């Protein structure tokens, strides 16, 4: 007998602990719904539901455990009924039951639902029995279709929101290139070593189609140019005509020094 009593006491303690956790979770969720409804998000609601579902499953596991006695076989009999205020009862019930009298005992020790709830349950059972098998199957299919459409719509909205977030967060520039461009424009950094692609330096002989022209009005200016042989020939002929003093051309006061690019660097 003592072993059964200890087992019953331990089971009650575990059950009270699980019920207390469930009560706290329900209280916090109700507080969110009543006071934080304006900034409450759907993921937060789903998290609260998942927490409540997990705690209910744990409570069911405790009740179905093999070491848990069947509480339905236990009979609760009130030993003392008093209309006076009981402080211990107030503390244990968190202020919900101030007295344990003849008025509250039928409500708190009830083993059946309230008469109104029992009547509604009977009505629902009667209405469900009137529906035929075909009508019930059609209603089930209609409900499943509505649920599937709703889930598909929710999934589509989530995918669109995620893709929109990825598009808005995608980087469309290279910070290194931007910094290099700003440094080149503002401070001229890196421009001293810049050279057009395909051009050769002034001290590299033997590049086909390259020549050096020295010209100046107030001084000498060295220009490195790269082009086709036909373009160089036309430029050379223009300079020669200008030196000969032909009308309509540049006067021959410009001193030129032309090096032909057709000379092979290894010609003997």
C-alpha atoms as a PDB file:
ATOM      1  CA  UNK A   1       0.000   0.000   0.000  1.00  0.00           C
ATOM      2  CA  UNK A   2       2.808   2.403   0.826  1.00  0.00           C
ATOM      3  CA  UNK A   3       4.514   1.636  -2.482  1.00  0.00           C
ATOM      4  CA  UNK A   4       1.341   2.423  -4.410  1.00  0.00           C
ATOM      5  CA  UNK A   5       0.875   5.637  -2.471  1.00  0.00           C
ATOM      6  CA  UNK A   6       4.458   6.744  -3.218  1.00  0.00           C
ATOM      7  CA  UNK A   7       3.996   5.880  -6.880  1.00  0.00           C
ATOM      8  CA  UNK A   8       0.762   7.844  -6.978  1.00  0.00           C
ATOM      9  CA  UNK A   9       2.403  10.820  -5.268  1.00  0.00           C
ATOM     10  CA  UNK A  10       5.348  10.811  -7.704  1.00  0.00           C
ATOM     11  CA  UNK A  11       2.972  10.580 -10.665  1.00  0.00           C
ATOM     12  CA  UNK A  12       0.929  13.480  -9.319  1.00  0.00           C
ATOM     13  CA  UNK A  13       4.071  15.599  -8.898  1.00  0.00           C
ATOM     14  CA  UNK A  14       5.156  14.907 -12.483  1.00  0.00           C
ATOM     15  CA  UNK A  15       1.652  15.627 -13.725  1.00  0.00           C
ATOM     16  CA  UNK A  16       1.470  18.883 -11.772  1.00  0.00           C
ATOM     17  CA  UNK A  17       4.830  19.973 -13.183  1.00  0.00           C
ATOM     18  CA  UNK A  18       3.713  19.337 -16.772  1.00  0.00           C
ATOM     19  CA  UNK A  19       0.398  21.097 -16.179  1.00  0.00           C
ATOM     20  CA  UNK A  20       2.195  24.103 -14.667  1.00  0.00           C
ATOM     21  CA  UNK A  21       4.438  24.426 -17.737  1.00  0.00           C
ATOM     22  CA  UNK A  22       1.422  24.169 -20.011  1.00  0.00           C
ATOM     23  CA  UNK A  23      -0.409  26.785 -17.955  1.00  0.00           C
ATOM     24  CA  UNK A  24       2.529  29.225 -18.194  1.00  0.00           C
ATOM     25  CA  UNK A  25       2.744  28.765 -21.957  1.00  0.00           C
ATOM     26  CA  UNK A  26      -0.981  29.351 -22.354  1.00  0.00           C
ATOM     27  CA  UNK A  27      -0.780  32.453 -20.172  1.00  0.00           C
ATOM     28  CA  UNK A  28       2.067  33.952 -22.189  1.00  0.00           C
ATOM     29  CA  UNK A  29       0.284  33.205 -25.476  1.00  0.00           C
ATOM     30  CA  UNK A  30      -2.956  34.808 -24.264  1.00  0.00           C
ATOM     31  CA  UNK A  31      -0.959  37.840 -23.108  1.00  0.00           C
ATOM     32  CA  UNK A  32       0.548  38.170 -26.592  1.00  0.00           C
ATOM     33  CA  UNK A  33      -2.880  37.967 -28.210  1.00  0.00           C
ATOM     34  CA  UNK A  34      -4.364  40.583 -25.887  1.00  0.00           C
ATOM     35  CA  UNK A  35      -1.483  43.085 -25.621  1.00  0.00           C
ATOM     36  CA  UNK A  36       0.840  42.516 -28.602  1.00  0.00           C
ATOM     37  CA  UNK A  37      -1.703  41.870 -31.356  1.00  0.00           C
ATOM     38  CA  UNK A  38      -0.568  44.932 -33.354  1.00  0.00           C
ATOM     39  CA  UNK A  39       3.000  43.654 -33.809  1.00  0.00           C
ATOM     40  CA  UNK A  40       2.326  39.915 -33.556  1.00  0.00           C
ATOM     41  CA  UNK A  41       3.676  37.948 -36.530  1.00  0.00           C
ATOM     42  CA  UNK A  42       2.556  34.623 -37.916  1.00  0.00           C
ATOM     43  CA  UNK A  43       5.900  32.851 -37.211  1.00  0.00           C
ATOM     44  CA  UNK A  44       5.585  33.887 -33.546  1.00  0.00           C
ATOM     45  CA  UNK A  45       2.057  32.433 -33.394  1.00  0.00           C
ATOM     46  CA  UNK A  46       3.296  29.197 -34.983  1.00  0.00           C
ATOM     47  CA  UNK A  47       6.100  28.982 -32.422  1.00  0.00           C
ATOM     48  CA  UNK A  48       3.584  29.361 -29.584  1.00  0.00           C
ATOM     49  CA  UNK A  49       1.359  26.660 -31.086  1.00  0.00           C
ATOM     50  CA  UNK A  50       4.351  24.341 -31.526  1.00  0.00           C
ATOM     51  CA  UNK A  51       5.342  24.851 -27.880  1.00  0.00           C
ATOM     52  CA  UNK A  52       1.811  24.104 -26.683  1.00  0.00           C
ATOM     53  CA  UNK A  53       1.583  21.040 -28.907  1.00  0.00           C
ATOM     54  CA  UNK A  54       4.871  19.675 -27.584  1.00  0.00           C
ATOM     55  CA  UNK A  55       3.820  20.183 -23.980  1.00  0.00           C
ATOM     56  CA  UNK A  56       0.484  18.455 -24.601  1.00  0.00           C
ATOM     57  CA  UNK A  57       2.266  15.496 -26.163  1.00  0.00           C
ATOM     58  CA  UNK A  58       4.587  15.288 -23.173  1.00  0.00           C
ATOM     59  CA  UNK A  59       1.596  15.383 -20.837  1.00  0.00           C
ATOM     60  CA  UNK A  60      -0.063  12.541 -22.749  1.00  0.00           C
ATOM     61  CA  UNK A  61       3.137  10.505 -22.567  1.00  0.00           C
ATOM     62  CA  UNK A  62       3.218  10.988 -18.803  1.00  0.00           C
ATOM     63  CA  UNK A  63      -0.398   9.839 -18.502  1.00  0.00           C
ATOM     64  CA  UNK A  64       0.170   6.812 -20.749  1.00  0.00           C
ATOM     65  CA  UNK A  65       3.391   5.748 -19.049  1.00  0.00           C
ATOM     66  CA  UNK A  66       3.355   2.251 -17.627  1.00  0.00           C
ATOM     67  CA  UNK A  67       4.421   3.464 -14.187  1.00  0.00           C
ATOM     68  CA  UNK A  68       1.630   6.026 -14.034  1.00  0.00           C
ATOM     69  CA  UNK A  69      -1.401   4.669 -12.171  1.00  0.00           C
ATOM     70  CA  UNK A  70      -4.871   5.019 -13.636  1.00  0.00           C
ATOM     71  CA  UNK A  71      -6.230   8.195 -12.128  1.00  0.00           C
ATOM     72  CA  UNK A  72      -9.737   7.298 -13.240  1.00  0.00           C
ATOM     73  CA  UNK A  73      -9.742   4.594 -10.589  1.00  0.00           C
ATOM     74  CA  UNK A  74      -9.023   7.125  -7.875  1.00  0.00           C
ATOM     75  CA  UNK A  75     -12.012   8.663  -6.131  1.00  0.00           C
ATOM     76  CA  UNK A  76     -11.813  12.171  -4.668  1.00  0.00           C
ATOM     77  CA  UNK A  77     -13.962  12.679  -1.623  1.00  0.00           C
ATOM     78  CA  UNK A  78     -14.104  16.068   0.132  1.00  0.00           C
ATOM     79  CA  UNK A  79     -13.298  15.539   3.802  1.00  0.00           C
ATOM     80  CA  UNK A  80     -13.976  19.074   5.021  1.00  0.00           C
ATOM     81  CA  UNK A  81     -16.527  21.540   3.659  1.00  0.00           C
ATOM     82  CA  UNK A  82     -16.469  24.997   5.164  1.00  0.00           C
ATOM     83  CA  UNK A  83     -17.939  28.341   4.114  1.00  0.00           C
ATOM     84  CA  UNK A  84     -14.956  30.141   5.687  1.00  0.00           C
ATOM     85  CA  UNK A  85     -12.045  31.476   3.681  1.00  0.00           C
ATOM     86  CA  UNK A  86      -9.113  29.053   3.407  1.00  0.00           C
ATOM     87  CA  UNK A  87      -5.696  30.680   2.876  1.00  0.00           C
ATOM     88  CA  UNK A  88      -3.962  27.425   1.941  1.00  0.00           C
ATOM     89  CA  UNK A  89      -6.611  26.738  -0.668  1.00  0.00           C
ATOM     90  CA  UNK A  90      -6.213  30.288  -1.996  1.00  0.00           C
ATOM     91  CA  UNK A  91      -2.445  29.793  -2.328  1.00  0.00           C
ATOM     92  CA  UNK A  92      -2.710  26.386  -4.020  1.00  0.00           C
ATOM     93  CA  UNK A  93      -5.355  27.567  -6.500  1.00  0.00           C
ATOM     94  CA  UNK A  94      -3.616  30.933  -7.108  1.00  0.00           C
ATOM     95  CA  UNK A  95      -6.567  32.848  -5.742  1.00  0.00           C
ATOM     96  CA  UNK A  96      -9.223  31.179  -7.877  1.00  0.00           C
ATOM     97  CA  UNK A  97     -11.003  29.222  -5.106  1.00  0.00           C
ATOM     98  CA  UNK A  98     -11.259  31.111  -1.822  1.00  0.00           C
ATOM     99  CA  UNK A  99     -13.539  28.617  -0.035  1.00  0.00           C
ATOM    100  CA  UNK A 100     -14.332  24.931  -0.418  1.00  0.00           C
ATOM    101  CA  UNK A 101     -18.030  24.834   0.326  1.00  0.00           C
ATOM    102  CA  UNK A 102     -21.124  22.987  -0.856  1.00  0.00           C
ATOM    103  CA  UNK A 103     -21.516  25.502  -3.661  1.00  0.00           C
ATOM    104  CA  UNK A 104     -18.145  25.007  -5.407  1.00  0.00           C
ATOM    105  CA  UNK A 105     -17.609  21.285  -4.787  1.00  0.00           C
ATOM    106  CA  UNK A 106     -20.007  20.095  -7.556  1.00  0.00           C
ATOM    107  CA  UNK A 107     -18.231  22.319 -10.071  1.00  0.00           C
ATOM    108  CA  UNK A 108     -14.635  21.423  -9.185  1.00  0.00           C
ATOM    109  CA  UNK A 109     -15.203  17.715  -8.583  1.00  0.00           C
ATOM    110  CA  UNK A 110     -17.453  17.190 -11.577  1.00  0.00           C
ATOM    111  CA  UNK A 111     -16.761  14.054 -13.600  1.00  0.00           C
ATOM    112  CA  UNK A 112     -19.135  14.997 -16.432  1.00  0.00           C
ATOM    113  CA  UNK A 113     -19.306  18.127 -18.615  1.00  0.00           C
ATOM    114  CA  UNK A 114     -21.609  20.982 -17.774  1.00  0.00           C
ATOM    115  CA  UNK A 115     -25.250  20.390 -18.744  1.00  0.00           C
ATOM    116  CA  UNK A 116     -25.051  23.035 -21.500  1.00  0.00           C
ATOM    117  CA  UNK A 117     -21.902  21.515 -22.972  1.00  0.00           C
ATOM    118  CA  UNK A 118     -23.337  18.028 -22.752  1.00  0.00           C
ATOM    119  CA  UNK A 119     -26.472  19.168 -24.600  1.00  0.00           C
ATOM    120  CA  UNK A 120     -24.412  20.769 -27.378  1.00  0.00           C
ATOM    121  CA  UNK A 121     -22.332  17.611 -27.720  1.00  0.00           C
ATOM    122  CA  UNK A 122     -25.454  15.488 -28.089  1.00  0.00           C
ATOM    123  CA  UNK A 123     -26.803  17.855 -30.748  1.00  0.00           C
ATOM    124  CA  UNK A 124     -23.589  17.671 -32.754  1.00  0.00           C
ATOM    125  CA  UNK A 125     -23.558  13.892 -32.514  1.00  0.00           C
ATOM    126  CA  UNK A 126     -27.143  13.742 -33.796  1.00  0.00           C
ATOM    127  CA  UNK A 127     -26.380  16.059 -36.725  1.00  0.00           C
ATOM    128  CA  UNK A 128     -23.314  14.008 -37.665  1.00  0.00           C
ATOM    129  CA  UNK A 129     -25.381  10.803 -37.657  1.00  0.00           C
ATOM    130  CA  UNK A 130     -27.900  12.286 -40.110  1.00  0.00           C
ATOM    131  CA  UNK A 131     -25.280  12.895 -42.797  1.00  0.00           C
ATOM    132  CA  UNK A 132     -24.925  10.041 -45.255  1.00  0.00           C
ATOM    133  CA  UNK A 133     -21.658   8.441 -46.264  1.00  0.00           C
ATOM    134  CA  UNK A 134     -21.605  10.062 -49.731  1.00  0.00           C
ATOM    135  CA  UNK A 135     -22.358  13.535 -48.378  1.00  0.00           C
ATOM    136  CA  UNK A 136     -19.727  13.125 -45.686  1.00  0.00           C
ATOM    137  CA  UNK A 137     -17.136  12.022 -48.266  1.00  0.00           C
ATOM    138  CA  UNK A 138     -17.943  15.040 -50.462  1.00  0.00           C
ATOM    139  CA  UNK A 139     -17.562  17.388 -47.513  1.00  0.00           C
ATOM    140  CA  UNK A 140     -14.248  15.763 -46.595  1.00  0.00           C
ATOM    141  CA  UNK A 141     -12.963  16.159 -50.155  1.00  0.00           C
ATOM    142  CA  UNK A 142     -14.119  19.790 -50.276  1.00  0.00           C
ATOM    143  CA  UNK A 143     -12.379  20.530 -46.968  1.00  0.00           C
ATOM    144  CA  UNK A 144      -9.170  18.842 -48.133  1.00  0.00           C
ATOM    145  CA  UNK A 145      -9.245  20.846 -51.362  1.00  0.00           C
ATOM    146  CA  UNK A 146      -9.683  24.122 -49.471  1.00  0.00           C
ATOM    147  CA  UNK A 147      -6.811  23.231 -47.144  1.00  0.00           C
ATOM    148  CA  UNK A 148      -4.562  22.305 -50.084  1.00  0.00           C
ATOM    149  CA  UNK A 149      -5.313  25.588 -51.879  1.00  0.00           C
ATOM    150  CA  UNK A 150      -4.653  27.545 -48.702  1.00  0.00           C
ATOM    151  CA  UNK A 151      -1.341  25.777 -48.099  1.00  0.00           C
ATOM    152  CA  UNK A 152      -0.282  26.328 -51.706  1.00  0.00           C
ATOM    153  CA  UNK A 153      -1.112  30.032 -51.466  1.00  0.00           C
ATOM    154  CA  UNK A 154       0.836  30.393 -48.220  1.00  0.00           C
ATOM    155  CA  UNK A 155       3.848  28.555 -49.702  1.00  0.00           C
ATOM    156  CA  UNK A 156       3.747  30.748 -52.818  1.00  0.00           C
ATOM    157  CA  UNK A 157       3.692  33.935 -50.741  1.00  0.00           C
ATOM    158  CA  UNK A 158       6.614  32.701 -48.652  1.00  0.00           C
ATOM    159  CA  UNK A 159       8.641  31.860 -51.771  1.00  0.00           C
ATOM    160  CA  UNK A 160       7.895  35.262 -53.310  1.00  0.00           C
ATOM    161  CA  UNK A 161       8.873  37.065 -50.120  1.00  0.00           C
ATOM    162  CA  UNK A 162      12.119  35.082 -49.884  1.00  0.00           C
ATOM    163  CA  UNK A 163      12.999  35.694 -53.543  1.00  0.00           C
ATOM    164  CA  UNK A 164      12.181  39.401 -53.153  1.00  0.00           C
ATOM    165  CA  UNK A 165      14.443  39.585 -50.130  1.00  0.00           C
ATOM    166  CA  UNK A 166      17.275  37.899 -52.036  1.00  0.00           C
ATOM    167  CA  UNK A 167      16.862  40.291 -54.973  1.00  0.00           C
ATOM    168  CA  UNK A 168      16.871  43.331 -52.706  1.00  0.00           C
ATOM    169  CA  UNK A 169      19.978  42.133 -50.861  1.00  0.00           C
ATOM    170  CA  UNK A 170      21.932  41.150 -53.978  1.00  0.00           C
ATOM    171  CA  UNK A 171      25.081  43.273 -54.468  1.00  0.00           C
ATOM    172  CA  UNK A 172      25.243  45.005 -57.844  1.00  0.00           C
ATOM    173  CA  UNK A 173      28.729  46.513 -57.655  1.00  0.00           C
ATOM    174  CA  UNK A 174      32.291  45.627 -56.777  1.00  0.00           C
ATOM    175  CA  UNK A 175      33.596  47.700 -53.819  1.00  0.00           C
ATOM    176  CA  UNK A 176      37.233  47.197 -54.859  1.00  0.00           C
ATOM    177  CA  UNK A 177      36.611  48.529 -58.375  1.00  0.00           C
ATOM    178  CA  UNK A 178      34.631  51.458 -56.979  1.00  0.00           C
ATOM    179  CA  UNK A 179      37.409  52.413 -54.562  1.00  0.00           C
ATOM    180  CA  UNK A 180      40.031  52.139 -57.310  1.00  0.00           C
ATOM    181  CA  UNK A 181      37.965  54.347 -59.641  1.00  0.00           C
ATOM    182  CA  UNK A 182      37.415  57.000 -56.957  1.00  0.00           C
ATOM    183  CA  UNK A 183      41.126  56.988 -56.072  1.00  0.00           C
ATOM    184  CA  UNK A 184      42.081  57.352 -59.753  1.00  0.00           C
ATOM    185  CA  UNK A 185      39.657  60.244 -60.379  1.00  0.00           C
ATOM    186  CA  UNK A 186      40.281  62.122 -57.136  1.00  0.00           C
ATOM    187  CA  UNK A 187      43.999  61.540 -56.543  1.00  0.00           C
ATOM    188  CA  UNK A 188      45.319  60.103 -59.822  1.00  0.00           C
ATOM    189  CA  UNK A 189      46.332  56.884 -58.109  1.00  0.00           C
ATOM    190  CA  UNK A 190      47.484  54.203 -60.520  1.00  0.00           C
ATOM    191  CA  UNK A 191      47.461  56.450 -63.620  1.00  0.00           C
ATOM    192  CA  UNK A 192      51.273  56.757 -63.818  1.00  0.00           C
ATOM    193  CA  UNK A 193      51.582  53.106 -64.794  1.00  0.00           C
ATOM    194  CA  UNK A 194      48.615  53.146 -67.159  1.00  0.00           C
ATOM    195  CA  UNK A 195      49.218  52.211 -70.773  1.00  0.00           C
ATOM    196  CA  UNK A 196      46.678  51.428 -73.508  1.00  0.00           C
ATOM    197  CA  UNK A 197      46.363  47.778 -74.412  1.00  0.00           C
ATOM    198  CA  UNK A 198      48.289  46.805 -77.547  1.00  0.00           C
ATOM    199  CA  UNK A 199      50.754  49.735 -77.392  1.00  0.00           C
ATOM    200  CA  UNK A 200      54.510  49.449 -76.909  1.00  0.00           C
ATOM    201  CA  UNK A 201      56.809  51.620 -74.884  1.00  0.00           C
ATOM    202  CA  UNK A 202      58.974  54.319 -76.415  1.00  0.00           C
ATOM    203  CA  UNK A 203      62.118  52.248 -75.956  1.00  0.00           C
ATOM    204  CA  UNK A 204      60.801  49.035 -77.562  1.00  0.00           C
ATOM    205  CA  UNK A 205      61.904  48.733 -81.182  1.00  0.00           C
ATOM    206  CA  UNK A 206      60.672  46.320 -83.747  1.00  0.00           C
ATOM    207  CA  UNK A 207      56.919  46.648 -83.129  1.00  0.00           C
ATOM    208  CA  UNK A 208      55.182  46.535 -86.521  1.00  0.00           C
ATOM    209  CA  UNK A 209      53.056  49.529 -87.394  1.00  0.00           C
ATOM    210  CA  UNK A 210      54.524  51.798 -84.684  1.00  0.00           C
ATOM    211  CA  UNK A 211      56.310  55.102 -85.090  1.00  0.00           C
ATOM    212  CA  UNK A 212      57.343  58.181 -83.121  1.00  0.00           C
ATOM    213  CA  UNK A 213      56.549  61.743 -84.206  1.00  0.00           C
ATOM    214  CA  UNK A 214      58.152  64.732 -82.559  1.00  0.00           C
ATOM    215  CA  UNK A 215      56.369  67.983 -83.165  1.00  0.00           C
ATOM    216  CA  UNK A 216      55.951  71.286 -81.336  1.00  0.00           C
ATOM    217  CA  UNK A 217      54.763  74.856 -81.600  1.00  0.00           C
ATOM    218  CA  UNK A 218      56.015  76.355 -78.360  1.00  0.00           C
ATOM    219  CA  UNK A 219      58.032  73.230 -77.457  1.00  0.00           C
ATOM    220  CA  UNK A 220      58.576  69.628 -78.362  1.00  0.00           C
ATOM    221  CA  UNK A 221      55.907  67.073 -77.532  1.00  0.00           C
ATOM    222  CA  UNK A 222      56.428  63.356 -77.943  1.00  0.00           C
ATOM    223  CA  UNK A 223      53.409  61.350 -78.974  1.00  0.00           C
ATOM    224  CA  UNK A 224      53.353  57.603 -79.252  1.00  0.00           C
ATOM    225  CA  UNK A 225      50.882  56.316 -81.758  1.00  0.00           C
ATOM    226  CA  UNK A 226      49.909  52.924 -83.024  1.00  0.00           C
ATOM    227  CA  UNK A 227      48.036  52.325 -86.256  1.00  0.00           C
ATOM    228  CA  UNK A 228      47.928  50.635 -89.613  1.00  0.00           C
ATOM    229  CA  UNK A 229      50.684  51.293 -92.197  1.00  0.00           C
ATOM    230  CA  UNK A 230      48.240  53.076 -94.464  1.00  0.00           C
ATOM    231  CA  UNK A 231      47.410  55.574 -91.728  1.00  0.00           C
ATOM    232  CA  UNK A 232      51.108  56.186 -91.061  1.00  0.00           C
ATOM    233  CA  UNK A 233      51.818  56.712 -94.764  1.00  0.00           C
ATOM    234  CA  UNK A 234      49.039  59.272 -95.057  1.00  0.00           C
ATOM    235  CA  UNK A 235      50.373  61.098 -92.003  1.00  0.00           C
ATOM    236  CA  UNK A 236      53.919  61.098 -93.360  1.00  0.00           C
ATOM    237  CA  UNK A 237      52.776  62.428 -96.725  1.00  0.00           C
ATOM    238  CA  UNK A 238      50.810  65.161 -94.950  1.00  0.00           C
ATOM    239  CA  UNK A 239      53.880  66.231 -93.018  1.00  0.00           C
ATOM    240  CA  UNK A 240      56.020  66.269 -96.189  1.00  0.00           C
ATOM    241  CA  UNK A 241      53.450  68.366 -98.050  1.00  0.00           C
ATOM    242  CA  UNK A 242      53.362  70.791 -95.151  1.00  0.00           C
ATOM    243  CA  UNK A 243      57.168  71.110 -95.305  1.00  0.00           C
ATOM    244  CA  UNK A 244      57.028  71.742 -99.089  1.00  0.00           C
ATOM    245  CA  UNK A 245      54.730  74.727 -98.519  1.00  0.00           C
ATOM    246  CA  UNK A 246      51.776  73.516-100.547  1.00  0.00           C
ATOM    247  CA  UNK A 247      48.690  75.761-100.265  1.00  0.00           C
ATOM    248  CA  UNK A 248      45.966  74.788 -97.880  1.00  0.00           C
ATOM    249  CA  UNK A 249      48.289  72.755 -95.694  1.00  0.00           C
ATOM    250  CA  UNK A 250      50.136  73.406 -92.472  1.00  0.00           C
ATOM    251  CA  UNK A 251      53.200  75.683 -92.915  1.00  0.00           C
ATOM    252  CA  UNK A 252      56.634  74.080 -92.887  1.00  0.00           C
ATOM    253  CA  UNK A 253      57.740  75.810 -89.709  1.00  0.00           C
ATOM    254  CA  UNK A 254      57.159  72.610 -87.721  1.00  0.00           C
ATOM    255  CA  UNK A 255      60.273  70.607 -87.096  1.00  0.00           C
ATOM    256  CA  UNK A 256      59.633  66.912 -87.476  1.00  0.00           C
ATOM    257  CA  UNK A 257      61.646  63.837 -86.838  1.00  0.00           C
ATOM    258  CA  UNK A 258      60.143  60.764 -88.428  1.00  0.00           C
ATOM    259  CA  UNK A 259      61.372  57.265 -87.833  1.00  0.00           C
ATOM    260  CA  UNK A 260      60.034  54.681 -90.167  1.00  0.00           C
ATOM    261  CA  UNK A 261      58.477  51.665 -88.538  1.00  0.00           C
ATOM    262  CA  UNK A 262      59.168  49.485 -91.566  1.00  0.00           C
ATOM    263  CA  UNK A 263      62.872  49.156 -90.648  1.00  0.00           C
ATOM    264  CA  UNK A 264      63.575  45.769 -89.214  1.00  0.00           C
ATOM    265  CA  UNK A 265      65.430  46.028 -85.899  1.00  0.00           C
ATOM    266  CA  UNK A 266      67.850  43.257 -86.883  1.00  0.00           C
ATOM    267  CA  UNK A 267      68.540  44.493 -90.460  1.00  0.00           C
ATOM    268  CA  UNK A 268      72.216  44.651 -91.292  1.00  0.00           C
END
